[in-house]
Amino acid sequence: GSIVKKCTVCGHTASSTIKYAKTFTLSTTSYTYDGKVKTPTVTVKDSAGKTLKKNTDYTVSYAKGRKNVGTYKVTIKLKGNYSGTKTLNFKINPAKTAVSKLTASKNSIKVNVTKKSTQVTGYQIQYSTSKKFTGAKTITSYKTTSVTLKNLKVKKLYYIRVRTYKTVNGKKYYVVDGNDALVACFEDHISEDLIREIASHKPMCAVFKDSSVAEAKDKVN
């Protein structure tokens, strides 16, 4: 809006634009649990694009804790030439995990996950024949860090990924361990062409049955 002032003597008018706090942002809205208190910084800009000054134009207060997995509020109260209150949120997600060991056998694979002792409720292991995990199957493991994937098809590539989760007030917080997946193949005979095909997908690692690779050099390469 604007303010219009009129001189009662000469009738001259002058107007000025009313500026208001327009954008409110946090430096980070998602953290990974590391046992440390999180305090994201706040940036406030007005309708003219000017960055407002903390403690001059606004104050910031943070929810207590901000160390464990969960969602936390940041309250911004405007002052001086600005008025109003804005609340923003940020999350702390559980720590990442990784697959520590894969053991392949006929039509199955045993997946061992690196244990996380704090701020983790359980683990989810997901596997699919699609690199994009279309139609993936998910196994939820509470506390246990070892799961066997059964009834897998031979002559198929399987992509496997794992993530931790933490349940807070009935809500689950997840973290995926990177974008790369593991690949498992249960064909009885692995050809050099198939190895090249698997390598073209650039998995984090690949797992085969020992008996499926004839040449020792192929196992290493």
N, C-alpha and C. Protein backbone atom coordinates (compact mmCIF):
# COMPACT_ATOMS: atom_id res chain seq x y z
N GLY A 1 0.81 -1.17 0.00
CA GLY A 1 0.00 0.00 0.00
C GLY A 1 0.86 1.24 0.00
N SER A 2 0.23 2.37 0.19
CA SER A 2 0.96 3.64 0.21
C SER A 2 0.27 4.63 1.14
N ILE A 3 1.04 5.62 1.55
CA ILE A 3 0.52 6.70 2.39
C ILE A 3 0.54 7.98 1.56
N VAL A 4 -0.60 8.69 1.52
CA VAL A 4 -0.69 9.95 0.78
C VAL A 4 -0.88 11.09 1.77
N LYS A 5 -0.01 12.10 1.67
CA LYS A 5 -0.11 13.28 2.53
C LYS A 5 -0.45 14.50 1.67
N LYS A 6 -1.38 15.33 2.20
CA LYS A 6 -1.80 16.52 1.45
C LYS A 6 -1.60 17.77 2.31
N CYS A 7 -0.97 18.80 1.71
CA CYS A 7 -0.74 20.05 2.42
C CYS A 7 -2.06 20.83 2.50
N THR A 8 -2.44 21.25 3.71
CA THR A 8 -3.70 21.97 3.90
C THR A 8 -3.63 23.42 3.43
N VAL A 9 -2.40 23.89 3.14
CA VAL A 9 -2.22 25.28 2.71
C VAL A 9 -2.24 25.40 1.19
N CYS A 10 -1.31 24.61 0.54
CA CYS A 10 -1.18 24.72 -0.91
C CYS A 10 -1.88 23.60 -1.67
N GLY A 11 -2.29 22.56 -0.97
CA GLY A 11 -2.98 21.46 -1.63
C GLY A 11 -2.06 20.43 -2.27
N HIS A 12 -0.72 20.60 -2.12
CA HIS A 12 0.24 19.65 -2.72
C HIS A 12 0.13 18.30 -2.02
N THR A 13 0.21 17.23 -2.80
CA THR A 13 0.16 15.88 -2.22
C THR A 13 1.48 15.14 -2.46
N ALA A 14 1.81 14.29 -1.54
CA ALA A 14 3.02 13.45 -1.65
C ALA A 14 2.67 12.06 -1.14
N SER A 15 3.19 11.04 -1.82
CA SER A 15 2.89 9.65 -1.42
C SER A 15 4.18 8.87 -1.17
N SER A 16 4.10 7.91 -0.29
CA SER A 16 5.24 7.03 0.00
C SER A 16 4.72 5.60 0.14
N THR A 17 5.52 4.65 -0.33
CA THR A 17 5.12 3.25 -0.31
C THR A 17 5.35 2.65 1.07
N ILE A 18 4.38 1.89 1.55
CA ILE A 18 4.52 1.20 2.84
C ILE A 18 5.22 -0.14 2.59
N LYS A 19 6.38 -0.31 3.20
CA LYS A 19 7.12 -1.55 3.05
C LYS A 19 6.69 -2.53 4.14
N TYR A 20 6.70 -3.81 3.81
CA TYR A 20 6.31 -4.83 4.77
C TYR A 20 7.27 -6.03 4.65
N ALA A 21 7.36 -6.82 5.71
CA ALA A 21 8.20 -8.01 5.68
C ALA A 21 7.55 -9.04 4.76
N LYS A 22 8.29 -9.45 3.73
CA LYS A 22 7.70 -10.30 2.70
C LYS A 22 8.19 -11.74 2.73
N THR A 23 9.51 -11.95 2.83
CA THR A 23 10.05 -13.31 2.78
C THR A 23 10.80 -13.65 4.06
N PHE A 24 10.60 -14.89 4.50
CA PHE A 24 11.25 -15.40 5.71
C PHE A 24 11.88 -16.75 5.35
N THR A 25 13.18 -16.89 5.52
CA THR A 25 13.84 -18.15 5.17
C THR A 25 14.81 -18.58 6.25
N LEU A 26 15.00 -19.91 6.34
CA LEU A 26 16.00 -20.49 7.23
C LEU A 26 17.20 -20.95 6.41
N SER A 27 18.37 -20.86 6.99
CA SER A 27 19.59 -21.27 6.28
C SER A 27 19.56 -22.75 5.94
N THR A 28 18.93 -23.55 6.81
CA THR A 28 18.79 -25.00 6.58
C THR A 28 17.45 -25.45 7.15
N THR A 29 16.75 -26.28 6.40
CA THR A 29 15.46 -26.80 6.87
C THR A 29 15.50 -28.29 7.18
N SER A 30 16.63 -28.94 6.88
CA SER A 30 16.74 -30.37 7.13
C SER A 30 18.17 -30.72 7.56
N TYR A 31 18.30 -31.32 8.74
CA TYR A 31 19.60 -31.73 9.27
C TYR A 31 19.62 -33.24 9.44
N THR A 32 20.84 -33.79 9.58
CA THR A 32 21.02 -35.20 9.94
C THR A 32 21.52 -35.26 11.37
N TYR A 33 20.94 -36.13 12.17
CA TYR A 33 21.28 -36.23 13.59
C TYR A 33 22.78 -36.49 13.79
N ASP A 34 23.41 -35.68 14.65
CA ASP A 34 24.80 -35.90 15.02
C ASP A 34 25.04 -35.63 16.50
N GLY A 35 23.94 -35.46 17.27
CA GLY A 35 24.06 -35.24 18.70
C GLY A 35 24.29 -33.79 19.09
N LYS A 36 24.33 -32.89 18.11
CA LYS A 36 24.58 -31.46 18.39
C LYS A 36 23.31 -30.63 18.20
N VAL A 37 23.19 -29.56 18.98
CA VAL A 37 22.04 -28.66 18.87
C VAL A 37 22.09 -27.92 17.54
N LYS A 38 20.96 -27.81 16.87
CA LYS A 38 20.88 -27.14 15.58
C LYS A 38 20.19 -25.78 15.72
N THR A 39 20.82 -24.75 15.14
CA THR A 39 20.28 -23.40 15.20
C THR A 39 20.42 -22.74 13.83
N PRO A 40 19.48 -22.98 12.93
CA PRO A 40 19.56 -22.35 11.60
C PRO A 40 19.39 -20.84 11.69
N THR A 41 20.11 -20.11 10.86
CA THR A 41 19.99 -18.66 10.85
C THR A 41 18.76 -18.24 10.05
N VAL A 42 18.25 -17.06 10.37
CA VAL A 42 17.04 -16.54 9.74
C VAL A 42 17.38 -15.35 8.86
N THR A 43 16.77 -15.28 7.68
CA THR A 43 16.88 -14.12 6.80
C THR A 43 15.48 -13.59 6.51
N VAL A 44 15.28 -12.30 6.74
CA VAL A 44 13.98 -11.66 6.47
C VAL A 44 14.20 -10.51 5.50
N LYS A 45 13.38 -10.46 4.46
CA LYS A 45 13.46 -9.36 3.48
C LYS A 45 12.10 -8.69 3.36
N ASP A 46 12.13 -7.36 3.13
CA ASP A 46 10.87 -6.65 2.99
C ASP A 46 10.42 -6.62 1.53
N SER A 47 9.31 -5.96 1.27
CA SER A 47 8.70 -5.94 -0.06
C SER A 47 9.56 -5.23 -1.09
N ALA A 48 10.56 -4.47 -0.65
CA ALA A 48 11.46 -3.79 -1.58
C ALA A 48 12.74 -4.59 -1.80
N GLY A 49 12.84 -5.76 -1.14
CA GLY A 49 14.02 -6.59 -1.30
C GLY A 49 15.13 -6.30 -0.30
N LYS A 50 14.87 -5.41 0.63
CA LYS A 50 15.87 -5.05 1.63
C LYS A 50 15.94 -6.13 2.72
N THR A 51 17.16 -6.52 3.09
CA THR A 51 17.34 -7.49 4.16
C THR A 51 17.22 -6.79 5.51
N LEU A 52 16.30 -7.25 6.33
CA LEU A 52 16.07 -6.62 7.62
C LEU A 52 17.13 -7.06 8.63
N LYS A 53 17.30 -6.25 9.68
CA LYS A 53 18.33 -6.51 10.69
C LYS A 53 17.73 -7.20 11.91
N LYS A 54 18.40 -8.28 12.31
CA LYS A 54 17.98 -8.99 13.51
C LYS A 54 18.15 -8.09 14.73
N ASN A 55 17.19 -8.17 15.63
CA ASN A 55 17.13 -7.39 16.88
C ASN A 55 16.79 -5.92 16.66
N THR A 56 16.88 -5.44 15.42
CA THR A 56 16.42 -4.08 15.10
C THR A 56 15.03 -4.13 14.48
N ASP A 57 14.87 -5.01 13.50
CA ASP A 57 13.59 -5.15 12.80
C ASP A 57 12.81 -6.40 13.24
N TYR A 58 13.49 -7.34 13.85
CA TYR A 58 12.82 -8.57 14.29
C TYR A 58 13.66 -9.29 15.34
N THR A 59 13.01 -10.17 16.09
CA THR A 59 13.71 -11.05 17.03
C THR A 59 13.40 -12.50 16.67
N VAL A 60 14.25 -13.40 17.10
CA VAL A 60 14.09 -14.82 16.79
C VAL A 60 14.13 -15.64 18.07
N SER A 61 13.21 -16.58 18.20
CA SER A 61 13.24 -17.52 19.32
C SER A 61 13.12 -18.93 18.78
N TYR A 62 13.84 -19.86 19.39
CA TYR A 62 13.89 -21.25 18.93
C TYR A 62 13.24 -22.18 19.94
N ALA A 63 12.65 -23.26 19.45
CA ALA A 63 12.10 -24.28 20.34
C ALA A 63 13.23 -24.90 21.16
N LYS A 64 12.90 -25.43 22.30
CA LYS A 64 13.90 -26.06 23.15
C LYS A 64 14.36 -27.39 22.54
N GLY A 65 15.53 -27.83 22.96
CA GLY A 65 16.06 -29.10 22.47
C GLY A 65 16.85 -28.92 21.20
N ARG A 66 16.22 -29.21 20.08
CA ARG A 66 16.81 -29.05 18.75
C ARG A 66 18.06 -29.92 18.56
N LYS A 67 18.08 -31.06 19.23
CA LYS A 67 19.22 -31.96 19.11
C LYS A 67 18.81 -33.34 18.62
N ASN A 68 17.67 -33.81 19.08
CA ASN A 68 17.20 -35.14 18.70
C ASN A 68 16.35 -35.09 17.44
N VAL A 69 16.06 -36.25 16.88
CA VAL A 69 15.24 -36.33 15.67
C VAL A 69 13.85 -35.77 15.94
N GLY A 70 13.35 -34.94 15.02
CA GLY A 70 12.03 -34.35 15.17
C GLY A 70 11.90 -33.07 14.37
N THR A 71 10.77 -32.39 14.56
CA THR A 71 10.50 -31.10 13.90
C THR A 71 10.51 -30.00 14.95
N TYR A 72 11.15 -28.88 14.64
CA TYR A 72 11.31 -27.79 15.60
C TYR A 72 10.86 -26.46 15.00
N LYS A 73 10.27 -25.62 15.86
CA LYS A 73 9.75 -24.32 15.41
C LYS A 73 10.76 -23.20 15.64
N VAL A 74 10.73 -22.25 14.71
CA VAL A 74 11.49 -21.01 14.83
C VAL A 74 10.48 -19.87 14.72
N THR A 75 10.38 -19.05 15.75
CA THR A 75 9.39 -17.97 15.77
C THR A 75 10.08 -16.63 15.55
N ILE A 76 9.58 -15.89 14.56
CA ILE A 76 10.14 -14.58 14.20
C ILE A 76 9.10 -13.51 14.53
N LYS A 77 9.48 -12.57 15.41
CA LYS A 77 8.58 -11.47 15.78
C LYS A 77 9.14 -10.16 15.24
N LEU A 78 8.32 -9.49 14.41
CA LEU A 78 8.75 -8.22 13.82
C LEU A 78 8.61 -7.09 14.81
N LYS A 79 9.40 -6.04 14.63
CA LYS A 79 9.38 -4.90 15.53
C LYS A 79 9.79 -3.65 14.78
N GLY A 80 9.79 -2.50 15.47
CA GLY A 80 10.17 -1.23 14.84
C GLY A 80 9.17 -0.81 13.80
N ASN A 81 9.62 -0.69 12.56
CA ASN A 81 8.74 -0.27 11.46
C ASN A 81 7.93 -1.41 10.86
N TYR A 82 8.09 -2.60 11.43
CA TYR A 82 7.40 -3.77 10.90
C TYR A 82 6.62 -4.44 12.03
N SER A 83 5.56 -5.14 11.65
CA SER A 83 4.76 -5.82 12.68
C SER A 83 4.32 -7.19 12.19
N GLY A 84 4.05 -8.06 13.14
CA GLY A 84 3.57 -9.39 12.80
C GLY A 84 4.48 -10.47 13.36
N THR A 85 4.05 -11.72 13.21
CA THR A 85 4.80 -12.88 13.69
C THR A 85 4.77 -13.97 12.62
N LYS A 86 5.90 -14.63 12.43
CA LYS A 86 6.01 -15.70 11.45
C LYS A 86 6.67 -16.91 12.11
N THR A 87 6.14 -18.11 11.85
CA THR A 87 6.71 -19.34 12.38
C THR A 87 7.22 -20.23 11.24
N LEU A 88 8.47 -20.65 11.34
CA LEU A 88 9.07 -21.56 10.37
C LEU A 88 9.44 -22.86 11.07
N ASN A 89 9.63 -23.93 10.31
CA ASN A 89 9.98 -25.23 10.88
C ASN A 89 11.22 -25.82 10.21
N PHE A 90 11.98 -26.59 10.97
CA PHE A 90 13.06 -27.37 10.39
C PHE A 90 13.06 -28.76 11.02
N LYS A 91 13.68 -29.72 10.32
CA LYS A 91 13.68 -31.11 10.78
C LYS A 91 15.10 -31.59 11.09
N ILE A 92 15.17 -32.51 12.04
CA ILE A 92 16.40 -33.28 12.26
C ILE A 92 16.04 -34.73 11.96
N ASN A 93 16.69 -35.31 10.96
CA ASN A 93 16.43 -36.68 10.54
C ASN A 93 17.44 -37.65 11.16
N PRO A 94 17.11 -38.93 11.24
CA PRO A 94 18.04 -39.89 11.83
C PRO A 94 19.33 -40.03 11.04
N ALA A 95 20.37 -40.52 11.70
CA ALA A 95 21.67 -40.69 11.06
C ALA A 95 21.60 -41.74 9.96
N LYS A 96 22.43 -41.57 8.95
CA LYS A 96 22.46 -42.52 7.84
C LYS A 96 23.09 -43.83 8.27
N THR A 97 22.73 -44.88 7.56
CA THR A 97 23.37 -46.17 7.75
C THR A 97 23.86 -46.67 6.40
N ALA A 98 24.38 -47.87 6.37
CA ALA A 98 24.87 -48.44 5.12
C ALA A 98 24.83 -49.96 5.23
N VAL A 99 24.88 -50.62 4.08
CA VAL A 99 24.97 -52.08 4.07
C VAL A 99 26.41 -52.47 4.41
N SER A 100 26.59 -53.25 5.47
CA SER A 100 27.93 -53.64 5.90
C SER A 100 28.39 -54.95 5.26
N LYS A 101 27.41 -55.80 4.89
CA LYS A 101 27.77 -57.09 4.32
C LYS A 101 26.60 -57.67 3.54
N LEU A 102 26.89 -58.29 2.40
CA LEU A 102 25.89 -58.98 1.61
C LEU A 102 26.35 -60.42 1.40
N THR A 103 25.47 -61.37 1.65
CA THR A 103 25.79 -62.78 1.46
C THR A 103 24.76 -63.39 0.53
N ALA A 104 25.21 -63.80 -0.65
CA ALA A 104 24.29 -64.33 -1.66
C ALA A 104 24.26 -65.85 -1.61
N SER A 105 23.08 -66.42 -1.81
CA SER A 105 22.90 -67.86 -1.96
C SER A 105 21.83 -68.07 -3.02
N LYS A 106 21.40 -69.29 -3.22
CA LYS A 106 20.42 -69.55 -4.27
C LYS A 106 19.09 -68.87 -3.98
N ASN A 107 18.71 -67.96 -4.88
CA ASN A 107 17.43 -67.25 -4.81
C ASN A 107 17.24 -66.39 -3.57
N SER A 108 18.31 -66.06 -2.86
CA SER A 108 18.17 -65.22 -1.68
C SER A 108 19.47 -64.46 -1.42
N ILE A 109 19.36 -63.43 -0.61
CA ILE A 109 20.54 -62.66 -0.22
C ILE A 109 20.34 -62.14 1.19
N LYS A 110 21.35 -62.29 2.01
CA LYS A 110 21.30 -61.79 3.38
C LYS A 110 21.95 -60.42 3.43
N VAL A 111 21.22 -59.46 3.96
CA VAL A 111 21.68 -58.07 4.02
C VAL A 111 21.96 -57.70 5.48
N ASN A 112 23.20 -57.31 5.75
CA ASN A 112 23.56 -56.82 7.07
C ASN A 112 23.74 -55.31 7.01
N VAL A 113 23.13 -54.63 7.97
CA VAL A 113 23.13 -53.17 8.01
C VAL A 113 23.99 -52.69 9.18
N THR A 114 24.73 -51.60 8.96
CA THR A 114 25.52 -51.01 10.03
C THR A 114 24.59 -50.48 11.12
N LYS A 115 24.80 -50.90 12.34
CA LYS A 115 23.92 -50.53 13.44
C LYS A 115 24.13 -49.09 13.88
N LYS A 116 23.03 -48.39 14.12
CA LYS A 116 23.06 -47.05 14.69
C LYS A 116 22.40 -47.13 16.07
N SER A 117 23.15 -46.73 17.10
CA SER A 117 22.70 -46.99 18.47
C SER A 117 21.83 -45.88 19.06
N THR A 118 21.83 -44.68 18.46
CA THR A 118 21.05 -43.58 19.03
C THR A 118 20.14 -42.94 18.00
N GLN A 119 18.96 -42.54 18.47
CA GLN A 119 17.99 -41.81 17.65
C GLN A 119 17.58 -42.57 16.39
N VAL A 120 17.47 -43.88 16.51
CA VAL A 120 17.01 -44.73 15.41
C VAL A 120 16.02 -45.75 15.96
N THR A 121 14.82 -45.82 15.36
CA THR A 121 13.82 -46.79 15.77
C THR A 121 14.01 -48.11 15.04
N GLY A 122 14.35 -48.04 13.76
CA GLY A 122 14.51 -49.25 12.97
C GLY A 122 15.12 -48.95 11.61
N TYR A 123 15.03 -49.95 10.72
CA TYR A 123 15.66 -49.86 9.40
C TYR A 123 14.67 -50.33 8.33
N GLN A 124 14.79 -49.77 7.15
CA GLN A 124 14.00 -50.23 6.01
C GLN A 124 14.94 -50.63 4.89
N ILE A 125 14.73 -51.83 4.36
CA ILE A 125 15.50 -52.31 3.23
C ILE A 125 14.56 -52.43 2.05
N GLN A 126 14.96 -51.85 0.94
CA GLN A 126 14.12 -51.84 -0.25
C GLN A 126 14.88 -52.47 -1.40
N TYR A 127 14.19 -53.31 -2.19
CA TYR A 127 14.87 -53.94 -3.33
C TYR A 127 13.93 -54.02 -4.52
N SER A 128 14.54 -53.95 -5.71
CA SER A 128 13.76 -53.91 -6.94
C SER A 128 14.63 -54.33 -8.12
N THR A 129 14.00 -54.76 -9.19
CA THR A 129 14.73 -55.03 -10.43
C THR A 129 14.85 -53.77 -11.27
N SER A 130 14.29 -52.67 -10.79
CA SER A 130 14.35 -51.40 -11.49
C SER A 130 15.33 -50.46 -10.78
N LYS A 131 16.20 -49.82 -11.55
CA LYS A 131 17.16 -48.87 -10.97
C LYS A 131 16.43 -47.71 -10.30
N LYS A 132 15.24 -47.39 -10.81
CA LYS A 132 14.45 -46.32 -10.23
C LYS A 132 13.57 -46.81 -9.08
N PHE A 133 13.70 -48.08 -8.75
CA PHE A 133 12.95 -48.72 -7.66
C PHE A 133 11.44 -48.69 -7.89
N THR A 134 11.05 -48.76 -9.17
CA THR A 134 9.64 -48.87 -9.52
C THR A 134 9.12 -50.24 -9.06
N GLY A 135 8.01 -50.24 -8.34
CA GLY A 135 7.44 -51.49 -7.86
C GLY A 135 8.31 -52.19 -6.83
N ALA A 136 9.11 -51.42 -6.11
CA ALA A 136 10.04 -52.00 -5.13
C ALA A 136 9.30 -52.64 -3.96
N LYS A 137 9.93 -53.66 -3.38
CA LYS A 137 9.42 -54.29 -2.17
C LYS A 137 10.21 -53.74 -0.97
N THR A 138 9.52 -53.55 0.13
CA THR A 138 10.14 -52.95 1.32
C THR A 138 10.00 -53.88 2.51
N ILE A 139 11.10 -54.06 3.22
CA ILE A 139 11.10 -54.83 4.46
C ILE A 139 11.47 -53.90 5.60
N THR A 140 10.64 -53.86 6.63
CA THR A 140 10.92 -53.03 7.81
C THR A 140 11.49 -53.92 8.91
N SER A 141 12.64 -53.50 9.43
CA SER A 141 13.31 -54.28 10.46
C SER A 141 13.41 -53.45 11.74
N TYR A 142 12.79 -53.92 12.81
CA TYR A 142 12.84 -53.22 14.08
C TYR A 142 14.01 -53.77 14.90
N LYS A 143 14.97 -52.88 15.19
CA LYS A 143 16.13 -53.22 16.02
C LYS A 143 17.11 -54.15 15.31
N THR A 144 16.62 -55.22 14.67
CA THR A 144 17.52 -56.18 14.05
C THR A 144 18.21 -55.58 12.84
N THR A 145 19.48 -55.87 12.64
CA THR A 145 20.23 -55.28 11.54
C THR A 145 20.58 -56.30 10.46
N SER A 146 19.85 -57.41 10.44
CA SER A 146 20.09 -58.44 9.44
C SER A 146 18.75 -58.93 8.87
N VAL A 147 18.64 -58.91 7.56
CA VAL A 147 17.40 -59.34 6.89
C VAL A 147 17.77 -60.19 5.68
N THR A 148 17.02 -61.27 5.45
CA THR A 148 17.23 -62.12 4.28
C THR A 148 16.13 -61.87 3.26
N LEU A 149 16.53 -61.49 2.05
CA LEU A 149 15.60 -61.28 0.95
C LEU A 149 15.41 -62.63 0.25
N LYS A 150 14.18 -63.13 0.22
CA LYS A 150 13.92 -64.48 -0.28
C LYS A 150 13.16 -64.46 -1.61
N ASN A 151 13.13 -65.63 -2.24
CA ASN A 151 12.37 -65.85 -3.48
C ASN A 151 12.77 -64.89 -4.59
N LEU A 152 14.06 -64.62 -4.69
CA LEU A 152 14.56 -63.76 -5.75
C LEU A 152 14.70 -64.56 -7.05
N LYS A 153 14.51 -63.90 -8.18
CA LYS A 153 14.54 -64.57 -9.46
C LYS A 153 15.96 -64.63 -10.02
N VAL A 154 16.29 -65.76 -10.63
CA VAL A 154 17.59 -65.89 -11.28
C VAL A 154 17.58 -65.08 -12.58
N LYS A 155 18.75 -64.78 -13.08
CA LYS A 155 18.93 -64.03 -14.31
C LYS A 155 18.28 -62.64 -14.22
N LYS A 156 18.26 -62.10 -13.00
CA LYS A 156 17.73 -60.76 -12.79
C LYS A 156 18.73 -59.95 -11.96
N LEU A 157 18.81 -58.67 -12.28
CA LEU A 157 19.61 -57.75 -11.47
C LEU A 157 18.70 -57.17 -10.39
N TYR A 158 19.19 -57.12 -9.17
CA TYR A 158 18.43 -56.54 -8.07
C TYR A 158 19.18 -55.34 -7.51
N TYR A 159 18.46 -54.24 -7.35
CA TYR A 159 19.00 -53.04 -6.72
C TYR A 159 18.53 -52.99 -5.28
N ILE A 160 19.44 -52.70 -4.38
CA ILE A 160 19.12 -52.73 -2.94
C ILE A 160 19.57 -51.43 -2.30
N ARG A 161 18.70 -50.86 -1.46
CA ARG A 161 19.08 -49.67 -0.70
C ARG A 161 18.48 -49.76 0.70
N VAL A 162 19.09 -49.04 1.61
CA VAL A 162 18.67 -49.12 3.01
C VAL A 162 18.59 -47.72 3.60
N ARG A 163 17.69 -47.54 4.55
CA ARG A 163 17.59 -46.26 5.24
C ARG A 163 17.16 -46.50 6.68
N THR A 164 17.54 -45.58 7.55
CA THR A 164 17.11 -45.62 8.94
C THR A 164 15.82 -44.82 9.08
N TYR A 165 15.10 -45.05 10.18
CA TYR A 165 13.96 -44.20 10.49
C TYR A 165 13.82 -44.08 12.00
N LYS A 166 13.19 -43.00 12.40
CA LYS A 166 12.93 -42.73 13.81
C LYS A 166 11.48 -42.28 13.94
N THR A 167 10.73 -42.87 14.87
CA THR A 167 9.34 -42.49 15.10
C THR A 167 9.27 -41.52 16.26
N VAL A 168 8.72 -40.34 16.00
CA VAL A 168 8.58 -39.29 17.01
C VAL A 168 7.13 -38.83 17.01
N ASN A 169 6.44 -39.01 18.12
CA ASN A 169 5.04 -38.61 18.25
C ASN A 169 4.18 -39.18 17.11
N GLY A 170 4.44 -40.44 16.78
CA GLY A 170 3.65 -41.11 15.76
C GLY A 170 4.06 -40.81 14.33
N LYS A 171 5.04 -39.94 14.13
CA LYS A 171 5.50 -39.58 12.79
C LYS A 171 6.87 -40.17 12.53
N LYS A 172 7.07 -40.74 11.33
CA LYS A 172 8.35 -41.35 10.99
C LYS A 172 9.23 -40.39 10.21
N TYR A 173 10.49 -40.33 10.61
CA TYR A 173 11.50 -39.52 9.92
C TYR A 173 12.49 -40.49 9.28
N TYR A 174 12.77 -40.28 7.98
CA TYR A 174 13.62 -41.19 7.23
C TYR A 174 14.86 -40.50 6.69
N VAL A 175 15.89 -41.31 6.47
CA VAL A 175 17.07 -40.85 5.73
C VAL A 175 17.48 -41.96 4.80
N VAL A 176 17.66 -41.65 3.52
CA VAL A 176 18.15 -42.62 2.54
C VAL A 176 19.66 -42.52 2.50
N ASP A 177 20.34 -43.67 2.48
CA ASP A 177 21.80 -43.69 2.47
C ASP A 177 22.30 -43.43 1.06
N GLY A 178 22.29 -42.15 0.65
CA GLY A 178 22.82 -41.78 -0.65
C GLY A 178 21.90 -42.16 -1.80
N ASN A 179 22.32 -41.83 -3.02
CA ASN A 179 21.51 -42.11 -4.20
C ASN A 179 21.91 -43.42 -4.88
N ASP A 180 23.10 -43.94 -4.54
CA ASP A 180 23.59 -45.15 -5.19
C ASP A 180 23.01 -46.38 -4.53
N ALA A 181 22.70 -47.36 -5.34
CA ALA A 181 22.16 -48.62 -4.83
C ALA A 181 23.19 -49.73 -5.00
N LEU A 182 22.96 -50.81 -4.26
CA LEU A 182 23.72 -52.04 -4.47
C LEU A 182 23.04 -52.83 -5.56
N VAL A 183 23.82 -53.73 -6.22
CA VAL A 183 23.25 -54.58 -7.27
C VAL A 183 23.58 -56.02 -6.92
N ALA A 184 22.58 -56.89 -7.04
CA ALA A 184 22.77 -58.33 -6.81
C ALA A 184 22.26 -59.10 -8.02
N CYS A 185 23.00 -60.11 -8.42
CA CYS A 185 22.60 -60.94 -9.56
C CYS A 185 22.78 -62.41 -9.18
N PHE A 186 21.78 -63.27 -9.50
CA PHE A 186 21.80 -64.67 -9.07
C PHE A 186 21.88 -65.64 -10.23
N GLU A 187 22.36 -65.17 -11.38
CA GLU A 187 22.53 -66.06 -12.52
C GLU A 187 23.67 -67.04 -12.23
N ASP A 188 23.53 -68.27 -12.70
CA ASP A 188 24.55 -69.29 -12.43
C ASP A 188 25.87 -69.01 -13.14
N HIS A 189 25.80 -68.37 -14.30
CA HIS A 189 27.02 -68.08 -15.06
C HIS A 189 27.00 -66.60 -15.47
N ILE A 190 27.96 -65.85 -14.95
CA ILE A 190 28.04 -64.42 -15.24
C ILE A 190 29.01 -64.20 -16.39
N SER A 191 28.52 -63.66 -17.49
CA SER A 191 29.38 -63.40 -18.63
C SER A 191 30.06 -62.05 -18.50
N GLU A 192 31.10 -61.87 -19.30
CA GLU A 192 31.82 -60.59 -19.28
C GLU A 192 30.90 -59.47 -19.75
N ASP A 193 30.02 -59.77 -20.72
CA ASP A 193 29.08 -58.76 -21.22
C ASP A 193 28.11 -58.32 -20.13
N LEU A 194 27.66 -59.29 -19.31
CA LEU A 194 26.75 -58.95 -18.23
C LEU A 194 27.45 -58.09 -17.18
N ILE A 195 28.71 -58.41 -16.91
CA ILE A 195 29.47 -57.60 -15.95
C ILE A 195 29.59 -56.17 -16.45
N ARG A 196 29.84 -56.02 -17.76
CA ARG A 196 29.92 -54.66 -18.32
C ARG A 196 28.58 -53.94 -18.19
N GLU A 197 27.48 -54.69 -18.41
CA GLU A 197 26.14 -54.10 -18.30
C GLU A 197 25.88 -53.62 -16.87
N ILE A 198 26.26 -54.43 -15.91
CA ILE A 198 26.08 -54.04 -14.50
C ILE A 198 26.93 -52.81 -14.19
N ALA A 199 28.17 -52.80 -14.67
CA ALA A 199 29.07 -51.68 -14.41
C ALA A 199 28.55 -50.38 -15.00
N SER A 200 27.80 -50.48 -16.12
CA SER A 200 27.28 -49.27 -16.78
C SER A 200 26.26 -48.55 -15.91
N HIS A 201 25.65 -49.27 -14.95
CA HIS A 201 24.68 -48.67 -14.05
C HIS A 201 25.34 -47.95 -12.87
N LYS A 202 26.66 -48.14 -12.73
CA LYS A 202 27.46 -47.48 -11.70
C LYS A 202 26.90 -47.69 -10.29
N PRO A 203 26.70 -48.95 -9.89
CA PRO A 203 26.22 -49.19 -8.52
C PRO A 203 27.31 -48.96 -7.51
N MET A 204 26.93 -48.80 -6.24
CA MET A 204 27.90 -48.65 -5.17
C MET A 204 28.75 -49.91 -5.05
N CYS A 205 28.12 -51.09 -5.20
CA CYS A 205 28.83 -52.36 -5.29
C CYS A 205 27.90 -53.39 -5.89
N ALA A 206 28.47 -54.51 -6.35
CA ALA A 206 27.68 -55.58 -6.95
C ALA A 206 28.00 -56.90 -6.26
N VAL A 207 26.99 -57.78 -6.16
CA VAL A 207 27.16 -59.06 -5.47
C VAL A 207 26.70 -60.19 -6.38
N PHE A 208 27.53 -61.26 -6.47
CA PHE A 208 27.20 -62.44 -7.25
C PHE A 208 27.46 -63.69 -6.40
N LYS A 209 26.93 -64.81 -6.86
CA LYS A 209 27.30 -66.08 -6.25
C LYS A 209 28.75 -66.39 -6.66
N ASP A 210 29.56 -66.93 -5.76
CA ASP A 210 30.96 -67.23 -6.06
C ASP A 210 31.09 -68.16 -7.26
N SER A 211 30.18 -69.10 -7.37
CA SER A 211 30.26 -70.11 -8.43
C SER A 211 29.89 -69.55 -9.80
N SER A 212 29.32 -68.34 -9.84
CA SER A 212 28.82 -67.81 -11.12
C SER A 212 29.91 -67.13 -11.93
N VAL A 213 31.06 -66.82 -11.31
CA VAL A 213 32.14 -66.14 -12.01
C VAL A 213 33.31 -67.10 -12.13
N ALA A 214 33.62 -67.47 -13.35
CA ALA A 214 34.62 -68.52 -13.56
C ALA A 214 36.03 -68.00 -13.34
N GLU A 215 36.32 -66.81 -13.87
CA GLU A 215 37.67 -66.28 -13.82
C GLU A 215 37.89 -65.44 -12.58
N ALA A 216 39.01 -65.67 -11.88
CA ALA A 216 39.32 -64.90 -10.66
C ALA A 216 39.47 -63.43 -10.97
N LYS A 217 40.05 -63.12 -12.15
CA LYS A 217 40.25 -61.71 -12.52
C LYS A 217 38.93 -60.97 -12.67
N ASP A 218 37.88 -61.69 -13.11
CA ASP A 218 36.57 -61.06 -13.27
C ASP A 218 35.97 -60.74 -11.92
N LYS A 219 36.23 -61.57 -10.90
CA LYS A 219 35.75 -61.31 -9.56
C LYS A 219 36.33 -60.03 -9.02
N VAL A 220 37.62 -59.81 -9.33
CA VAL A 220 38.31 -58.62 -8.83
C VAL A 220 37.89 -57.39 -9.60
N ASN A 221 37.81 -57.50 -10.92
CA ASN A 221 37.50 -56.35 -11.77
C ASN A 221 36.05 -55.94 -11.62
